[in-house]
Protein backbone atom coordinates (compact mmCIF):
# COMPACT_ATOMS: atom_id res chain seq x y z
CA MET A 1 -21.46 14.29 58.86
CA ASP A 2 -24.21 15.05 56.37
CA ARG A 3 -25.68 11.86 54.89
CA VAL A 4 -26.91 13.63 51.74
CA THR A 5 -24.83 12.07 48.97
CA GLN A 6 -26.81 12.97 45.88
CA LEU A 7 -28.95 15.76 44.59
CA GLN A 8 -31.92 15.29 42.26
CA LEU A 9 -33.15 17.94 39.85
CA THR A 10 -36.69 17.59 38.49
CA LEU A 11 -37.62 19.60 35.39
CA GLU A 12 -40.90 21.38 36.12
CA ASN A 13 -41.53 22.90 32.71
CA ASN A 14 -40.05 22.98 29.18
CA THR A 15 -40.50 20.17 26.66
CA SER A 16 -39.84 17.35 29.15
CA PRO A 17 -41.52 18.20 32.46
CA GLY A 18 -40.98 15.54 35.09
CA ASN A 19 -37.56 14.51 33.80
CA ARG A 20 -35.27 13.78 36.75
CA TYR A 21 -31.50 14.14 36.84
CA VAL A 22 -29.28 12.89 39.65
CA VAL A 23 -26.00 14.62 40.51
CA GLY A 24 -23.56 12.53 42.56
CA PRO A 25 -21.01 13.67 45.14
CA GLY A 26 -18.54 14.53 42.37
CA GLY A 27 -20.85 17.26 41.10
CA GLY A 28 -21.86 17.96 37.54
CA VAL A 29 -22.34 20.48 34.76
CA ILE A 30 -25.77 21.58 33.53
CA GLY A 31 -26.15 22.70 29.93
CA ARG A 32 -27.45 21.73 26.52
CA ASP A 33 -24.19 20.27 25.13
CA HIS A 34 -24.51 16.48 25.11
CA GLU A 35 -20.73 16.04 25.21
CA ARG A 36 -19.80 18.52 27.94
CA ALA A 37 -22.83 18.57 30.25
CA ASP A 38 -23.74 15.90 32.77
CA VAL A 39 -27.32 17.19 32.99
CA VAL A 40 -28.52 17.99 29.46
CA ILE A 41 -31.45 20.40 29.17
CA GLY A 42 -33.11 20.78 25.77
CA ASP A 43 -33.70 24.53 26.00
CA ALA A 44 -32.28 26.99 23.45
CA LEU A 45 -32.03 29.60 26.26
CA VAL A 46 -29.67 27.35 28.27
CA SER A 47 -25.98 27.72 27.40
CA ARG A 48 -24.01 24.71 26.17
CA VAL A 49 -22.25 24.76 29.55
CA HIS A 50 -24.44 26.90 31.80
CA ALA A 51 -23.85 26.03 35.45
CA ARG A 52 -22.03 23.63 37.74
CA ILE A 53 -23.34 21.96 40.89
CA ASP A 54 -20.85 20.75 43.50
CA ARG A 55 -20.94 19.36 47.01
CA THR A 56 -18.81 21.66 49.17
CA PRO A 57 -18.20 22.03 52.92
CA GLU A 58 -21.01 24.65 52.86
CA GLY A 59 -23.44 22.19 51.24
CA TRP A 60 -24.55 21.79 47.63
CA THR A 61 -23.67 24.85 45.55
CA ILE A 62 -24.54 26.07 42.08
CA VAL A 63 -22.18 28.32 40.11
CA ASN A 64 -23.05 30.22 36.93
CA LEU A 65 -20.42 29.37 34.31
CA THR A 66 -21.59 31.95 31.76
CA ASP A 67 -21.31 35.69 31.36
CA GLY A 68 -24.35 36.11 29.13
CA ASN A 69 -26.98 33.88 30.72
CA GLN A 70 -28.34 33.93 34.24
CA VAL A 71 -28.95 31.42 36.99
CA TYR A 72 -31.79 32.07 39.44
CA VAL A 73 -32.42 30.38 42.78
CA ASN A 74 -35.93 30.97 44.13
CA GLY A 75 -36.29 33.98 41.82
CA THR A 76 -33.01 35.69 42.76
CA GLU A 77 -30.20 35.95 40.23
CA VAL A 78 -26.98 34.38 41.55
CA ARG A 79 -23.40 33.85 40.41
CA ARG A 80 -22.87 31.27 43.16
CA SER A 81 -25.29 30.03 45.79
CA VAL A 82 -25.81 27.23 48.26
CA ILE A 83 -28.95 25.32 47.25
CA HIS A 84 -31.32 23.51 49.57
CA ASP A 85 -34.02 20.88 49.42
CA GLY A 86 -37.08 22.35 47.69
CA ASP A 87 -35.27 25.25 46.02
CA LEU A 88 -36.27 26.21 42.47
CA VAL A 89 -33.36 26.75 40.08
CA ARG A 90 -34.03 28.52 36.77
CA LEU A 91 -31.68 28.35 33.79
CA GLY A 92 -32.90 29.85 30.52
CA GLY A 93 -36.59 28.97 30.33
CA SER A 94 -36.23 25.83 32.44
CA ASP A 95 -37.20 25.40 36.09
CA LEU A 96 -35.53 22.64 38.10
CA ARG A 97 -36.72 21.64 41.57
CA VAL A 98 -33.96 20.53 43.97
CA LYS A 99 -34.32 17.42 46.11
CA LEU A 100 -31.55 16.23 48.41
CA LEU A 101 -31.24 12.44 48.47
CA LYS A 102 -30.08 10.73 51.66
CA ARG A 103 -28.57 7.29 51.99
């Protein structure tokens, strides 16, 4: 079984480059709403509830929760995608680098 139990997202641009966010095995929501998002991104182009990351049998996945805003993985627009170590996820004007954390 895969020993990767957490996923780290590092903000590479925006107002807080270098900020790191850890998503546990229960997954989490990314957005700008402090009450509904687990990973809060201060970017007006990010929806209040923009995307969800979950650990699935396929691996870590990201799902776009909006109709009006996009999610990109390595430059390709996706509605749902498996994400891997080193991938670049873009929401609004924010780039987040994926790092898989092993125990």
